[in-house]
């Protein structure tokens, strides 16, 4: 599963795009950890 470190919630791979867009709409930075261990910081 994919984990949003900003919200401290896990998401299904098909739902993470909308969740990231929600952070973008709120103009929040977002750190997402993907299933294989990659961490990305979206600003």
N, C-alpha and C. Protein backbone atom coordinates (compact mmCIF):
# COMPACT_ATOMS: atom_id res chain seq x y z
N UNK A 1 0.84 -1.19 0.00
CA UNK A 1 0.00 0.00 0.00
C UNK A 1 0.89 1.25 0.00
N UNK A 2 0.30 2.32 -0.39
CA UNK A 2 1.00 3.60 -0.47
C UNK A 2 0.64 4.42 0.77
N UNK A 3 1.64 5.09 1.34
CA UNK A 3 1.47 5.79 2.61
C UNK A 3 1.73 7.28 2.43
N UNK A 4 0.79 8.09 2.88
CA UNK A 4 0.96 9.54 2.89
C UNK A 4 1.50 9.92 4.26
N UNK A 5 2.73 10.40 4.31
CA UNK A 5 3.33 10.77 5.59
C UNK A 5 2.75 12.07 6.13
N UNK A 6 2.17 12.88 5.28
CA UNK A 6 1.55 14.12 5.72
C UNK A 6 0.28 13.83 6.52
N UNK A 7 -0.53 12.91 6.04
CA UNK A 7 -1.80 12.56 6.71
C UNK A 7 -1.68 11.36 7.63
N UNK A 8 -0.59 10.61 7.47
CA UNK A 8 -0.39 9.37 8.22
C UNK A 8 -1.50 8.36 7.92
N UNK A 9 -1.79 8.19 6.60
CA UNK A 9 -2.82 7.25 6.14
C UNK A 9 -2.27 6.43 4.98
N UNK A 10 -2.80 5.22 4.82
CA UNK A 10 -2.45 4.39 3.67
C UNK A 10 -3.54 4.51 2.62
N UNK A 11 -3.13 4.32 1.36
CA UNK A 11 -4.05 4.46 0.24
C UNK A 11 -3.82 3.35 -0.77
N UNK A 12 -4.89 3.02 -1.49
CA UNK A 12 -4.80 2.10 -2.61
C UNK A 12 -4.07 2.84 -3.74
N UNK A 13 -3.29 2.13 -4.56
CA UNK A 13 -2.57 2.80 -5.64
C UNK A 13 -3.45 3.61 -6.59
N UNK A 14 -4.69 3.21 -6.78
CA UNK A 14 -5.56 3.96 -7.68
C UNK A 14 -6.13 5.23 -7.04
N UNK A 15 -6.06 5.35 -5.73
CA UNK A 15 -6.63 6.51 -5.06
C UNK A 15 -5.62 7.57 -4.67
N UNK A 16 -4.33 7.27 -4.80
CA UNK A 16 -3.31 8.21 -4.32
C UNK A 16 -3.23 9.46 -5.19
N UNK A 17 -3.54 9.35 -6.47
CA UNK A 17 -3.46 10.53 -7.35
C UNK A 17 -4.46 11.60 -6.91
N UNK A 18 -5.67 11.20 -6.60
CA UNK A 18 -6.67 12.18 -6.14
C UNK A 18 -6.28 12.72 -4.77
N UNK A 19 -5.71 11.87 -3.93
CA UNK A 19 -5.30 12.33 -2.61
C UNK A 19 -4.18 13.38 -2.73
N UNK A 20 -3.23 13.12 -3.61
CA UNK A 20 -2.16 14.08 -3.83
C UNK A 20 -2.71 15.38 -4.41
N UNK A 21 -3.71 15.28 -5.28
CA UNK A 21 -4.34 16.47 -5.84
C UNK A 21 -5.05 17.28 -4.75
N UNK A 22 -5.60 16.59 -3.75
CA UNK A 22 -6.24 17.28 -2.63
C UNK A 22 -5.22 18.13 -1.89
N UNK A 23 -4.02 17.59 -1.66
CA UNK A 23 -2.97 18.38 -1.01
C UNK A 23 -2.57 19.56 -1.90
N UNK A 24 -2.49 19.32 -3.21
CA UNK A 24 -2.14 20.39 -4.14
C UNK A 24 -3.20 21.48 -4.12
N UNK A 25 -4.47 21.10 -4.07
CA UNK A 25 -5.57 22.08 -4.03
C UNK A 25 -5.49 22.93 -2.77
N UNK A 26 -5.05 22.33 -1.67
CA UNK A 26 -4.91 23.06 -0.40
C UNK A 26 -3.56 23.77 -0.31
N UNK A 27 -2.72 23.62 -1.33
CA UNK A 27 -1.37 24.21 -1.38
C UNK A 27 -0.50 23.72 -0.23
N UNK A 28 -0.59 22.42 0.06
CA UNK A 28 0.20 21.79 1.11
C UNK A 28 1.33 20.98 0.49
N UNK A 29 2.45 20.91 1.19
CA UNK A 29 3.50 19.98 0.79
C UNK A 29 3.06 18.58 1.18
N UNK A 30 3.52 17.60 0.42
CA UNK A 30 3.07 16.24 0.64
C UNK A 30 4.26 15.29 0.48
N UNK A 31 4.42 14.36 1.41
CA UNK A 31 5.45 13.34 1.32
C UNK A 31 4.75 12.00 1.22
N UNK A 32 5.01 11.28 0.13
CA UNK A 32 4.36 10.00 -0.11
C UNK A 32 5.42 8.92 -0.23
N UNK A 33 5.19 7.82 0.49
CA UNK A 33 6.08 6.66 0.41
C UNK A 33 5.36 5.58 -0.38
N UNK A 34 5.97 5.18 -1.49
CA UNK A 34 5.37 4.18 -2.36
C UNK A 34 5.72 2.77 -1.89
N UNK A 35 5.06 1.78 -2.47
CA UNK A 35 5.16 0.39 -2.04
C UNK A 35 6.59 -0.13 -2.02
N UNK A 36 7.38 0.24 -2.99
CA UNK A 36 8.75 -0.28 -3.09
C UNK A 36 9.75 0.51 -2.27
N UNK A 37 9.28 1.45 -1.47
CA UNK A 37 10.15 2.18 -0.56
C UNK A 37 10.57 3.56 -1.02
N UNK A 38 10.22 3.95 -2.23
CA UNK A 38 10.60 5.28 -2.70
C UNK A 38 9.78 6.33 -1.96
N UNK A 39 10.45 7.40 -1.54
CA UNK A 39 9.77 8.52 -0.88
C UNK A 39 9.90 9.74 -1.78
N UNK A 40 8.78 10.41 -2.02
CA UNK A 40 8.77 11.61 -2.85
C UNK A 40 8.15 12.75 -2.07
N UNK A 41 8.78 13.91 -2.20
CA UNK A 41 8.29 15.13 -1.57
C UNK A 41 7.74 16.01 -2.68
N UNK A 42 6.45 16.27 -2.61
CA UNK A 42 5.80 17.12 -3.59
C UNK A 42 5.53 18.47 -2.94
N UNK A 43 5.99 19.52 -3.60
CA UNK A 43 5.80 20.86 -3.06
C UNK A 43 4.90 21.68 -3.94
